[in-house]
Amino acid sequence: MPRVSIEGLDKVFDVNEAEILYDSLFDRGHELPHGCLSGSCGACRIEVLSGAENLQMPGVIEKNTIEAICDEYTKKNGPDSLQGKEIRLSCRAKVLGDVKIKPFK
């Protein structure tokens, strides 16, 4: 059973494999920042601190939204500001193994 940890929380969440990250945490009493919950607004963006390989590859909707988020972020914070960061959408990412995340602002 995959485990999800969130930076700054002492709690670790056991989730079912292939569950959507946002839904799995919500069902276990933890609500991440969110908006539309369909992958279009990007309000549910997270940074994957470890275990990025344990999330299912992003689909087209998630890829497009992440690309827009990253473009805006680098314009505001500089071209190297996202170096080494893995950005995903919690409302679209499916958990396949252990991950550690934090909301991305």
PDB file of N, CA and C in Angstrom:
ATOM      1  N   MET A   1       0.857  -1.184   0.000  1.00  0.00           N
ATOM      2  CA  MET A   1       0.000   0.000   0.000  1.00  0.00           C
ATOM      3  C   MET A   1       0.899   1.242   0.000  1.00  0.00           C
ATOM      4  N   PRO A   2       0.713   2.136  -0.975  1.00  0.00           N
ATOM      5  CA  PRO A   2       1.514   3.356  -1.035  1.00  0.00           C
ATOM      6  C   PRO A   2       1.275   4.253   0.175  1.00  0.00           C
ATOM      7  N   ARG A   3       2.316   5.015   0.509  1.00  0.00           N
ATOM      8  CA  ARG A   3       2.233   5.965   1.613  1.00  0.00           C
ATOM      9  C   ARG A   3       2.519   7.365   1.091  1.00  0.00           C
ATOM     10  N   VAL A   4       1.725   8.322   1.554  1.00  0.00           N
ATOM     11  CA  VAL A   4       1.899   9.718   1.158  1.00  0.00           C
ATOM     12  C   VAL A   4       2.211  10.527   2.402  1.00  0.00           C
ATOM     13  N   SER A   5       3.301  11.283   2.332  1.00  0.00           N
ATOM     14  CA  SER A   5       3.626  12.201   3.422  1.00  0.00           C
ATOM     15  C   SER A   5       3.633  13.620   2.864  1.00  0.00           C
ATOM     16  N   ILE A   6       3.320  14.551   3.741  1.00  0.00           N
ATOM     17  CA  ILE A   6       3.240  15.957   3.373  1.00  0.00           C
ATOM     18  C   ILE A   6       4.217  16.721   4.246  1.00  0.00           C
ATOM     19  N   GLU A   7       5.091  17.490   3.602  1.00  0.00           N
ATOM     20  CA  GLU A   7       6.089  18.256   4.350  1.00  0.00           C
ATOM     21  C   GLU A   7       5.398  19.104   5.413  1.00  0.00           C
ATOM     22  N   GLY A   8       5.917  19.052   6.629  1.00  0.00           N
ATOM     23  CA  GLY A   8       5.373  19.831   7.730  1.00  0.00           C
ATOM     24  C   GLY A   8       4.317  19.118   8.552  1.00  0.00           C
ATOM     25  N   LEU A   9       3.861  17.950   8.109  1.00  0.00           N
ATOM     26  CA  LEU A   9       2.894  17.166   8.871  1.00  0.00           C
ATOM     27  C   LEU A   9       3.584  15.931   9.420  1.00  0.00           C
ATOM     28  N   ASP A  10       3.244  15.561  10.636  1.00  0.00           N
ATOM     29  CA  ASP A  10       3.807  14.352  11.233  1.00  0.00           C
ATOM     30  C   ASP A  10       3.067  13.092  10.785  1.00  0.00           C
ATOM     31  N   LYS A  11       1.931  13.259  10.165  1.00  0.00           N
ATOM     32  CA  LYS A  11       1.094  12.130   9.773  1.00  0.00           C
ATOM     33  C   LYS A  11       1.485  11.609   8.383  1.00  0.00           C
ATOM     34  N   VAL A  12       1.443  10.286   8.229  1.00  0.00           N
ATOM     35  CA  VAL A  12       1.651   9.633   6.932  1.00  0.00           C
ATOM     36  C   VAL A  12       0.347   8.939   6.566  1.00  0.00           C
ATOM     37  N   PHE A  13      -0.058   9.071   5.305  1.00  0.00           N
ATOM     38  CA  PHE A  13      -1.331   8.522   4.853  1.00  0.00           C
ATOM     39  C   PHE A  13      -1.095   7.271   4.019  1.00  0.00           C
ATOM     40  N   ASP A  14      -1.722   6.167   4.417  1.00  0.00           N
ATOM     41  CA  ASP A  14      -1.734   4.959   3.604  1.00  0.00           C
ATOM     42  C   ASP A  14      -2.872   5.099   2.609  1.00  0.00           C
ATOM     43  N   VAL A  15      -2.552   4.955   1.328  1.00  0.00           N
ATOM     44  CA  VAL A  15      -3.562   5.124   0.278  1.00  0.00           C
ATOM     45  C   VAL A  15      -3.591   3.886  -0.613  1.00  0.00           C
ATOM     46  N   ASN A  16      -4.646   3.753  -1.358  1.00  0.00           N
ATOM     47  CA  ASN A  16      -4.755   2.638  -2.301  1.00  0.00           C
ATOM     48  C   ASN A  16      -4.014   2.964  -3.585  1.00  0.00           C
ATOM     49  N   GLU A  17      -3.384   1.956  -4.147  1.00  0.00           N
ATOM     50  CA  GLU A  17      -2.670   2.149  -5.404  1.00  0.00           C
ATOM     51  C   GLU A  17      -3.636   2.602  -6.494  1.00  0.00           C
ATOM     52  N   ALA A  18      -3.172   3.525  -7.320  1.00  0.00           N
ATOM     53  CA  ALA A  18      -3.897   4.092  -8.464  1.00  0.00           C
ATOM     54  C   ALA A  18      -5.002   5.065  -8.059  1.00  0.00           C
ATOM     55  N   GLU A  19      -5.056   5.456  -6.785  1.00  0.00           N
ATOM     56  CA  GLU A  19      -5.996   6.487  -6.359  1.00  0.00           C
ATOM     57  C   GLU A  19      -5.459   7.849  -6.759  1.00  0.00           C
ATOM     58  N   ILE A  20      -6.374   8.768  -7.033  1.00  0.00           N
ATOM     59  CA  ILE A  20      -5.981  10.151  -7.289  1.00  0.00           C
ATOM     60  C   ILE A  20      -5.522  10.751  -5.967  1.00  0.00           C
ATOM     61  N   LEU A  21      -4.401  11.417  -6.003  1.00  0.00           N
ATOM     62  CA  LEU A  21      -3.760  11.930  -4.788  1.00  0.00           C
ATOM     63  C   LEU A  21      -4.694  12.799  -3.960  1.00  0.00           C
ATOM     64  N   TYR A  22      -5.326  13.796  -4.581  1.00  0.00           N
ATOM     65  CA  TYR A  22      -6.224  14.673  -3.832  1.00  0.00           C
ATOM     66  C   TYR A  22      -7.337  13.876  -3.162  1.00  0.00           C
ATOM     67  N   ASP A  23      -7.992  13.017  -3.930  1.00  0.00           N
ATOM     68  CA  ASP A  23      -9.125  12.246  -3.410  1.00  0.00           C
ATOM     69  C   ASP A  23      -8.702  11.335  -2.262  1.00  0.00           C
ATOM     70  N   SER A  24      -7.556  10.696  -2.403  1.00  0.00           N
ATOM     71  CA  SER A  24      -7.108   9.761  -1.375  1.00  0.00           C
ATOM     72  C   SER A  24      -6.842  10.476  -0.055  1.00  0.00           C
ATOM     73  N   LEU A  25      -6.238  11.667  -0.114  1.00  0.00           N
ATOM     74  CA  LEU A  25      -5.980  12.413   1.127  1.00  0.00           C
ATOM     75  C   LEU A  25      -7.273  12.987   1.700  1.00  0.00           C
ATOM     76  N   PHE A  26      -8.145  13.491   0.848  1.00  0.00           N
ATOM     77  CA  PHE A  26      -9.427  14.024   1.306  1.00  0.00           C
ATOM     78  C   PHE A  26     -10.234  12.945   2.025  1.00  0.00           C
ATOM     79  N   ASP A  27     -10.255  11.746   1.452  1.00  0.00           N
ATOM     80  CA  ASP A  27     -10.992  10.633   2.059  1.00  0.00           C
ATOM     81  C   ASP A  27     -10.415  10.233   3.413  1.00  0.00           C
ATOM     82  N   ARG A  28      -9.172  10.622   3.661  1.00  0.00           N
ATOM     83  CA  ARG A  28      -8.515  10.283   4.927  1.00  0.00           C
ATOM     84  C   ARG A  28      -8.406  11.490   5.858  1.00  0.00           C
ATOM     85  N   GLY A  29      -9.195  12.537   5.571  1.00  0.00           N
ATOM     86  CA  GLY A  29      -9.311  13.666   6.477  1.00  0.00           C
ATOM     87  C   GLY A  29      -8.357  14.814   6.255  1.00  0.00           C
ATOM     88  N   HIS A  30      -7.625  14.825   5.141  1.00  0.00           N
ATOM     89  CA  HIS A  30      -6.709  15.940   4.876  1.00  0.00           C
ATOM     90  C   HIS A  30      -7.065  16.586   3.539  1.00  0.00           C
ATOM     91  N   GLU A  31      -7.302  17.885   3.579  1.00  0.00           N
ATOM     92  CA  GLU A  31      -7.687  18.602   2.373  1.00  0.00           C
ATOM     93  C   GLU A  31      -6.535  19.473   1.891  1.00  0.00           C
ATOM     94  N   LEU A  32      -6.086  19.220   0.670  1.00  0.00           N
ATOM     95  CA  LEU A  32      -5.059  20.042   0.036  1.00  0.00           C
ATOM     96  C   LEU A  32      -5.715  21.254  -0.610  1.00  0.00           C
ATOM     97  N   PRO A  33      -4.931  22.312  -0.857  1.00  0.00           N
ATOM     98  CA  PRO A  33      -5.491  23.436  -1.614  1.00  0.00           C
ATOM     99  C   PRO A  33      -6.038  22.935  -2.954  1.00  0.00           C
ATOM    100  N   HIS A  34      -7.145  23.529  -3.401  1.00  0.00           N
ATOM    101  CA  HIS A  34      -7.750  23.087  -4.654  1.00  0.00           C
ATOM    102  C   HIS A  34      -8.660  24.164  -5.215  1.00  0.00           C
ATOM    103  N   GLY A  35      -9.080  23.940  -6.439  1.00  0.00           N
ATOM    104  CA  GLY A  35     -10.031  24.815  -7.106  1.00  0.00           C
ATOM    105  C   GLY A  35     -11.046  23.943  -7.816  1.00  0.00           C
ATOM    106  N   CYS A  36     -10.875  23.809  -9.124  1.00  0.00           N
ATOM    107  CA  CYS A  36     -11.859  23.123  -9.960  1.00  0.00           C
ATOM    108  C   CYS A  36     -11.872  21.604  -9.807  1.00  0.00           C
ATOM    109  N   LEU A  37     -10.784  21.021  -9.349  1.00  0.00           N
ATOM    110  CA  LEU A  37     -10.617  19.569  -9.202  1.00  0.00           C
ATOM    111  C   LEU A  37     -10.774  18.813 -10.527  1.00  0.00           C
ATOM    112  N   SER A  38     -10.540  19.507 -11.640  1.00  0.00           N
ATOM    113  CA  SER A  38     -10.588  18.840 -12.944  1.00  0.00           C
ATOM    114  C   SER A  38      -9.279  18.993 -13.717  1.00  0.00           C
ATOM    115  N   GLY A  39      -8.309  19.684 -13.124  1.00  0.00           N
ATOM    116  CA  GLY A  39      -7.001  19.813 -13.755  1.00  0.00           C
ATOM    117  C   GLY A  39      -6.820  21.042 -14.611  1.00  0.00           C
ATOM    118  N   SER A  40      -7.786  21.939 -14.621  1.00  0.00           N
ATOM    119  CA  SER A  40      -7.702  23.106 -15.498  1.00  0.00           C
ATOM    120  C   SER A  40      -7.185  24.364 -14.813  1.00  0.00           C
ATOM    121  N   CYS A  41      -7.468  24.532 -13.537  1.00  0.00           N
ATOM    122  CA  CYS A  41      -7.125  25.803 -12.887  1.00  0.00           C
ATOM    123  C   CYS A  41      -5.727  25.820 -12.277  1.00  0.00           C
ATOM    124  N   GLY A  42      -5.217  24.669 -11.878  1.00  0.00           N
ATOM    125  CA  GLY A  42      -3.876  24.602 -11.299  1.00  0.00           C
ATOM    126  C   GLY A  42      -3.793  24.960  -9.828  1.00  0.00           C
ATOM    127  N   ALA A  43      -4.916  25.214  -9.171  1.00  0.00           N
ATOM    128  CA  ALA A  43      -4.893  25.586  -7.750  1.00  0.00           C
ATOM    129  C   ALA A  43      -4.415  24.441  -6.862  1.00  0.00           C
ATOM    130  N   CYS A  44      -4.483  23.228  -7.355  1.00  0.00           N
ATOM    131  CA  CYS A  44      -4.094  22.058  -6.562  1.00  0.00           C
ATOM    132  C   CYS A  44      -2.639  21.648  -6.817  1.00  0.00           C
ATOM    133  N   ARG A  45      -1.858  22.546  -7.388  1.00  0.00           N
ATOM    134  CA  ARG A  45      -0.470  22.206  -7.724  1.00  0.00           C
ATOM    135  C   ARG A  45       0.336  21.875  -6.476  1.00  0.00           C
ATOM    136  N   ILE A  46       1.168  20.869  -6.649  1.00  0.00           N
ATOM    137  CA  ILE A  46       2.033  20.419  -5.569  1.00  0.00           C
ATOM    138  C   ILE A  46       3.446  20.264  -6.106  1.00  0.00           C
ATOM    139  N   GLU A  47       4.400  20.288  -5.190  1.00  0.00           N
ATOM    140  CA  GLU A  47       5.769  19.921  -5.522  1.00  0.00           C
ATOM    141  C   GLU A  47       6.011  18.537  -4.954  1.00  0.00           C
ATOM    142  N   VAL A  48       6.502  17.652  -5.782  1.00  0.00           N
ATOM    143  CA  VAL A  48       6.821  16.302  -5.341  1.00  0.00           C
ATOM    144  C   VAL A  48       8.259  16.328  -4.843  1.00  0.00           C
ATOM    145  N   LEU A  49       8.437  16.142  -3.544  1.00  0.00           N
ATOM    146  CA  LEU A  49       9.763  16.220  -2.931  1.00  0.00           C
ATOM    147  C   LEU A  49      10.535  14.916  -3.086  1.00  0.00           C
ATOM    148  N   SER A  50       9.831  13.812  -3.086  1.00  0.00           N
ATOM    149  CA  SER A  50      10.450  12.511  -3.359  1.00  0.00           C
ATOM    150  C   SER A  50       9.376  11.560  -3.855  1.00  0.00           C
ATOM    151  N   GLY A  51       9.802  10.597  -4.665  1.00  0.00           N
ATOM    152  CA  GLY A  51       8.880   9.596  -5.178  1.00  0.00           C
ATOM    153  C   GLY A  51       8.136  10.001  -6.432  1.00  0.00           C
ATOM    154  N   ALA A  52       8.651  10.962  -7.187  1.00  0.00           N
ATOM    155  CA  ALA A  52       7.969  11.389  -8.420  1.00  0.00           C
ATOM    156  C   ALA A  52       7.743  10.219  -9.364  1.00  0.00           C
ATOM    157  N   GLU A  53       8.655   9.265  -9.347  1.00  0.00           N
ATOM    158  CA  GLU A  53       8.521   8.085 -10.202  1.00  0.00           C
ATOM    159  C   GLU A  53       7.371   7.189  -9.762  1.00  0.00           C
ATOM    160  N   ASN A  54       6.825   7.444  -8.573  1.00  0.00           N
ATOM    161  CA  ASN A  54       5.717   6.657  -8.032  1.00  0.00           C
ATOM    162  C   ASN A  54       4.355   7.283  -8.292  1.00  0.00           C
ATOM    163  N   LEU A  55       4.322   8.257  -9.198  1.00  0.00           N
ATOM    164  CA  LEU A  55       3.064   8.833  -9.660  1.00  0.00           C
ATOM    165  C   LEU A  55       2.894   8.452 -11.127  1.00  0.00           C
ATOM    166  N   GLN A  56       1.668   8.128 -11.502  1.00  0.00           N
ATOM    167  CA  GLN A  56       1.391   7.800 -12.896  1.00  0.00           C
ATOM    168  C   GLN A  56       1.755   9.004 -13.771  1.00  0.00           C
ATOM    169  N   MET A  57       2.239   8.745 -14.953  1.00  0.00           N
ATOM    170  CA  MET A  57       2.609   9.818 -15.879  1.00  0.00           C
ATOM    171  C   MET A  57       1.420  10.748 -16.101  1.00  0.00           C
ATOM    172  N   PRO A  58       1.676  12.063 -16.195  1.00  0.00           N
ATOM    173  CA  PRO A  58       0.568  12.997 -16.397  1.00  0.00           C
ATOM    174  C   PRO A  58      -0.078  12.834 -17.773  1.00  0.00           C
ATOM    175  N   GLY A  59      -1.385  13.017 -17.799  1.00  0.00           N
ATOM    176  CA  GLY A  59      -2.124  13.008 -19.049  1.00  0.00           C
ATOM    177  C   GLY A  59      -2.068  14.379 -19.703  1.00  0.00           C
ATOM    178  N   VAL A  60      -2.757  14.534 -20.802  1.00  0.00           N
ATOM    179  CA  VAL A  60      -2.719  15.764 -21.591  1.00  0.00           C
ATOM    180  C   VAL A  60      -3.203  16.979 -20.797  1.00  0.00           C
ATOM    181  N   ILE A  61      -4.322  16.835 -20.110  1.00  0.00           N
ATOM    182  CA  ILE A  61      -4.867  17.970 -19.346  1.00  0.00           C
ATOM    183  C   ILE A  61      -3.865  18.420 -18.292  1.00  0.00           C
ATOM    184  N   GLU A  62      -3.328  17.471 -17.532  1.00  0.00           N
ATOM    185  CA  GLU A  62      -2.366  17.827 -16.489  1.00  0.00           C
ATOM    186  C   GLU A  62      -1.106  18.431 -17.100  1.00  0.00           C
ATOM    187  N   LYS A  63      -0.607  17.857 -18.167  1.00  0.00           N
ATOM    188  CA  LYS A  63       0.599  18.392 -18.825  1.00  0.00           C
ATOM    189  C   LYS A  63       0.396  19.841 -19.257  1.00  0.00           C
ATOM    190  N   ASN A  64      -0.736  20.116 -19.870  1.00  0.00           N
ATOM    191  CA  ASN A  64      -1.005  21.479 -20.345  1.00  0.00           C
ATOM    192  C   ASN A  64      -1.084  22.475 -19.198  1.00  0.00           C
ATOM    193  N   THR A  65      -1.749  22.097 -18.127  1.00  0.00           N
ATOM    194  CA  THR A  65      -1.883  22.994 -16.976  1.00  0.00           C
ATOM    195  C   THR A  65      -0.532  23.200 -16.299  1.00  0.00           C
ATOM    196  N   ILE A  66       0.246  22.143 -16.135  1.00  0.00           N
ATOM    197  CA  ILE A  66       1.568  22.263 -15.522  1.00  0.00           C
ATOM    198  C   ILE A  66       2.475  23.147 -16.376  1.00  0.00           C
ATOM    199  N   GLU A  67       2.407  22.987 -17.679  1.00  0.00           N
ATOM    200  CA  GLU A  67       3.217  23.814 -18.574  1.00  0.00           C
ATOM    201  C   GLU A  67       2.896  25.293 -18.387  1.00  0.00           C
ATOM    202  N   ALA A  68       1.601  25.625 -18.296  1.00  0.00           N
ATOM    203  CA  ALA A  68       1.178  27.012 -18.086  1.00  0.00           C
ATOM    204  C   ALA A  68       1.654  27.531 -16.729  1.00  0.00           C
ATOM    205  N   ILE A  69       1.547  26.706 -15.693  1.00  0.00           N
ATOM    206  CA  ILE A  69       2.011  27.090 -14.358  1.00  0.00           C
ATOM    207  C   ILE A  69       3.516  27.353 -14.384  1.00  0.00           C
ATOM    208  N   CYS A  70       4.257  26.459 -14.996  1.00  0.00           N
ATOM    209  CA  CYS A  70       5.713  26.586 -15.034  1.00  0.00           C
ATOM    210  C   CYS A  70       6.151  27.802 -15.841  1.00  0.00           C
ATOM    211  N   ASP A  71       5.482  28.067 -16.961  1.00  0.00           N
ATOM    212  CA  ASP A  71       5.802  29.254 -17.768  1.00  0.00           C
ATOM    213  C   ASP A  71       5.615  30.526 -16.953  1.00  0.00           C
ATOM    214  N   GLU A  72       4.479  30.618 -16.274  1.00  0.00           N
ATOM    215  CA  GLU A  72       4.191  31.800 -15.456  1.00  0.00           C
ATOM    216  C   GLU A  72       5.191  31.926 -14.309  1.00  0.00           C
ATOM    217  N   TYR A  73       5.500  30.806 -13.663  1.00  0.00           N
ATOM    218  CA  TYR A  73       6.410  30.813 -12.521  1.00  0.00           C
ATOM    219  C   TYR A  73       7.812  31.254 -12.931  1.00  0.00           C
ATOM    220  N   THR A  74       8.308  30.744 -14.052  1.00  0.00           N
ATOM    221  CA  THR A  74       9.659  31.116 -14.480  1.00  0.00           C
ATOM    222  C   THR A  74       9.723  32.560 -14.958  1.00  0.00           C
ATOM    223  N   LYS A  75       8.655  33.077 -15.536  1.00  0.00           N
ATOM    224  CA  LYS A  75       8.627  34.491 -15.920  1.00  0.00           C
ATOM    225  C   LYS A  75       8.734  35.381 -14.686  1.00  0.00           C
ATOM    226  N   LYS A  76       8.072  34.964 -13.631  1.00  0.00           N
ATOM    227  CA  LYS A  76       8.049  35.747 -12.390  1.00  0.00           C
ATOM    228  C   LYS A  76       9.326  35.574 -11.567  1.00  0.00           C
ATOM    229  N   ASN A  77       9.874  34.352 -11.532  1.00  0.00           N
ATOM    230  CA  ASN A  77      10.967  34.035 -10.603  1.00  0.00           C
ATOM    231  C   ASN A  77      12.310  33.727 -11.256  1.00  0.00           C
ATOM    232  N   GLY A  78      12.371  33.764 -12.564  1.00  0.00           N
ATOM    233  CA  GLY A  78      13.628  33.525 -13.264  1.00  0.00           C
ATOM    234  C   GLY A  78      13.699  32.143 -13.875  1.00  0.00           C
ATOM    235  N   PRO A  79      14.551  32.000 -14.894  1.00  0.00           N
ATOM    236  CA  PRO A  79      14.607  30.752 -15.657  1.00  0.00           C
ATOM    237  C   PRO A  79      15.092  29.535 -14.863  1.00  0.00           C
ATOM    238  N   ASP A  80      15.832  29.733 -13.817  1.00  0.00           N
ATOM    239  CA  ASP A  80      16.342  28.605 -13.028  1.00  0.00           C
ATOM    240  C   ASP A  80      15.491  28.295 -11.803  1.00  0.00           C
ATOM    241  N   SER A  81      14.382  28.999 -11.634  1.00  0.00           N
ATOM    242  CA  SER A  81      13.583  28.880 -10.409  1.00  0.00           C
ATOM    243  C   SER A  81      12.915  27.517 -10.228  1.00  0.00           C
ATOM    244  N   LEU A  82      12.745  26.781 -11.291  1.00  0.00           N
ATOM    245  CA  LEU A  82      12.105  25.466 -11.186  1.00  0.00           C
ATOM    246  C   LEU A  82      13.100  24.315 -11.307  1.00  0.00           C
ATOM    247  N   GLN A  83      14.374  24.652 -11.389  1.00  0.00           N
ATOM    248  CA  GLN A  83      15.385  23.616 -11.533  1.00  0.00           C
ATOM    249  C   GLN A  83      15.325  22.645 -10.354  1.00  0.00           C
ATOM    250  N   GLY A  84      15.217  21.361 -10.658  1.00  0.00           N
ATOM    251  CA  GLY A  84      15.160  20.339  -9.622  1.00  0.00           C
ATOM    252  C   GLY A  84      13.812  20.170  -8.964  1.00  0.00           C
ATOM    253  N   LYS A  85      12.786  20.858  -9.451  1.00  0.00           N
ATOM    254  CA  LYS A  85      11.442  20.746  -8.867  1.00  0.00           C
ATOM    255  C   LYS A  85      10.544  19.937  -9.792  1.00  0.00           C
ATOM    256  N   GLU A  86       9.741  19.092  -9.189  1.00  0.00           N
ATOM    257  CA  GLU A  86       8.756  18.289  -9.925  1.00  0.00           C
ATOM    258  C   GLU A  86       7.374  18.785  -9.526  1.00  0.00           C
ATOM    259  N   ILE A  87       6.666  19.405 -10.460  1.00  0.00           N
ATOM    260  CA  ILE A  87       5.344  19.972 -10.193  1.00  0.00           C
ATOM    261  C   ILE A  87       4.283  19.041 -10.776  1.00  0.00           C
ATOM    262  N   ARG A  88       3.260  18.783  -9.988  1.00  0.00           N
ATOM    263  CA  ARG A  88       2.132  17.951 -10.425  1.00  0.00           C
ATOM    264  C   ARG A  88       0.840  18.570  -9.900  1.00  0.00           C
ATOM    265  N   LEU A  89      -0.281  18.037 -10.360  1.00  0.00           N
ATOM    266  CA  LEU A  89      -1.599  18.458  -9.879  1.00  0.00           C
ATOM    267  C   LEU A  89      -2.169  17.342  -9.023  1.00  0.00           C
ATOM    268  N   SER A  90      -2.507  17.660  -7.784  1.00  0.00           N
ATOM    269  CA  SER A  90      -3.003  16.614  -6.879  1.00  0.00           C
ATOM    270  C   SER A  90      -4.355  16.063  -7.330  1.00  0.00           C
ATOM    271  N   CYS A  91      -5.108  16.836  -8.090  1.00  0.00           N
ATOM    272  CA  CYS A  91      -6.425  16.371  -8.540  1.00  0.00           C
ATOM    273  C   CYS A  91      -6.336  15.433  -9.735  1.00  0.00           C
ATOM    274  N   ARG A  92      -5.147  15.280 -10.323  1.00  0.00           N
ATOM    275  CA  ARG A  92      -4.985  14.419 -11.497  1.00  0.00           C
ATOM    276  C   ARG A  92      -3.977  13.292 -11.278  1.00  0.00           C
ATOM    277  N   ALA A  93      -2.998  13.502 -10.399  1.00  0.00           N
ATOM    278  CA  ALA A  93      -1.919  12.533 -10.216  1.00  0.00           C
ATOM    279  C   ALA A  93      -2.420  11.291  -9.479  1.00  0.00           C
ATOM    280  N   LYS A  94      -2.097  10.123 -10.042  1.00  0.00           N
ATOM    281  CA  LYS A  94      -2.467   8.858  -9.409  1.00  0.00           C
ATOM    282  C   LYS A  94      -1.244   8.267  -8.723  1.00  0.00           C
ATOM    283  N   VAL A  95      -1.448   7.829  -7.480  1.00  0.00           N
ATOM    284  CA  VAL A  95      -0.368   7.312  -6.641  1.00  0.00           C
ATOM    285  C   VAL A  95      -0.125   5.836  -6.932  1.00  0.00           C
ATOM    286  N   LEU A  96       1.128   5.502  -7.253  1.00  0.00           N
ATOM    287  CA  LEU A  96       1.505   4.116  -7.508  1.00  0.00           C
ATOM    288  C   LEU A  96       2.481   3.583  -6.458  1.00  0.00           C
ATOM    289  N   GLY A  97       3.052   4.485  -5.662  1.00  0.00           N
ATOM    290  CA  GLY A  97       4.014   4.115  -4.627  1.00  0.00           C
ATOM    291  C   GLY A  97       4.204   5.288  -3.677  1.00  0.00           C
ATOM    292  N   ASP A  98       5.165   5.178  -2.784  1.00  0.00           N
ATOM    293  CA  ASP A  98       5.394   6.207  -1.762  1.00  0.00           C
ATOM    294  C   ASP A  98       5.817   7.536  -2.377  1.00  0.00           C
ATOM    295  N   VAL A  99       5.221   8.632  -1.870  1.00  0.00           N
ATOM    296  CA  VAL A  99       5.591   9.976  -2.298  1.00  0.00           C
ATOM    297  C   VAL A  99       5.580  10.924  -1.104  1.00  0.00           C
ATOM    298  N   LYS A 100       6.391  11.978  -1.233  1.00  0.00           N
ATOM    299  CA  LYS A 100       6.373  13.074  -0.264  1.00  0.00           C
ATOM    300  C   LYS A 100       6.138  14.344  -1.063  1.00  0.00           C
ATOM    301  N   ILE A 101       5.178  15.155  -0.594  1.00  0.00           N
ATOM    302  CA  ILE A 101       4.749  16.332  -1.340  1.00  0.00           C
ATOM    303  C   ILE A 101       4.666  17.557  -0.442  1.00  0.00           C
ATOM    304  N   LYS A 102       4.463  18.694  -1.084  1.00  0.00           N
ATOM    305  CA  LYS A 102       4.066  19.921  -0.386  1.00  0.00           C
ATOM    306  C   LYS A 102       3.299  20.774  -1.366  1.00  0.00           C
ATOM    307  N   PRO A 103       2.345  21.574  -0.890  1.00  0.00           N
ATOM    308  CA  PRO A 103       1.659  22.501  -1.800  1.00  0.00           C
ATOM    309  C   PRO A 103       2.692  23.417  -2.445  1.00  0.00           C
ATOM    310  N   PHE A 104       2.495  23.744  -3.714  1.00  0.00           N
ATOM    311  CA  PHE A 104       3.421  24.609  -4.447  1.00  0.00           C
ATOM    312  C   PHE A 104       2.764  25.952  -4.651  1.00  0.00           C
ATOM    313  N   LYS A 105       3.458  26.993  -4.208  1.00  0.00           N
ATOM    314  CA  LYS A 105       2.882  28.349  -4.273  1.00  0.00           C
ATOM    315  C   LYS A 105       3.565  29.179  -5.329  1.00  0.00           C
TER     316      LYS A 105
END
